[in-house]
Amino acid sequence: MKADIHPKYHEVTVTC
């Protein structure tokens, strides 16, 4: 399980 942080959008996408 990986959490990708997008600084530009301030969003956190979690991919299993």
C-alpha atoms as a PDB file:
ATOM      1  CA  MET A   1       0.000   0.000   0.000  1.00  0.00           C
ATOM      2  CA  LYS A   2       1.490   3.272  -1.144  1.00  0.00           C
ATOM      3  CA  ALA A   3       0.574   6.868  -0.371  1.00  0.00           C
ATOM      4  CA  ASP A   4       1.457   9.419  -3.015  1.00  0.00           C
ATOM      5  CA  ILE A   5       1.533  13.065  -1.989  1.00  0.00           C
ATOM      6  CA  HIS A   6       0.879  15.725  -4.603  1.00  0.00           C
ATOM      7  CA  PRO A   7       2.275  19.078  -3.412  1.00  0.00           C
ATOM      8  CA  LYS A   8       0.692  20.948  -6.331  1.00  0.00           C
ATOM      9  CA  TYR A   9      -2.825  19.855  -5.490  1.00  0.00           C
ATOM     10  CA  HIS A  10      -2.307  19.188  -1.795  1.00  0.00           C
ATOM     11  CA  GLU A  11      -3.944  15.811  -2.239  1.00  0.00           C
ATOM     12  CA  VAL A  12      -3.006  12.378  -1.007  1.00  0.00           C
ATOM     13  CA  THR A  13      -3.652   9.453  -3.310  1.00  0.00           C
ATOM     14  CA  VAL A  14      -3.634   5.996  -1.772  1.00  0.00           C
ATOM     15  CA  THR A  15      -2.913   3.104  -4.106  1.00  0.00           C
ATOM     16  CA  CYS A  16      -3.114  -0.471  -2.951  1.00  0.00           C
END
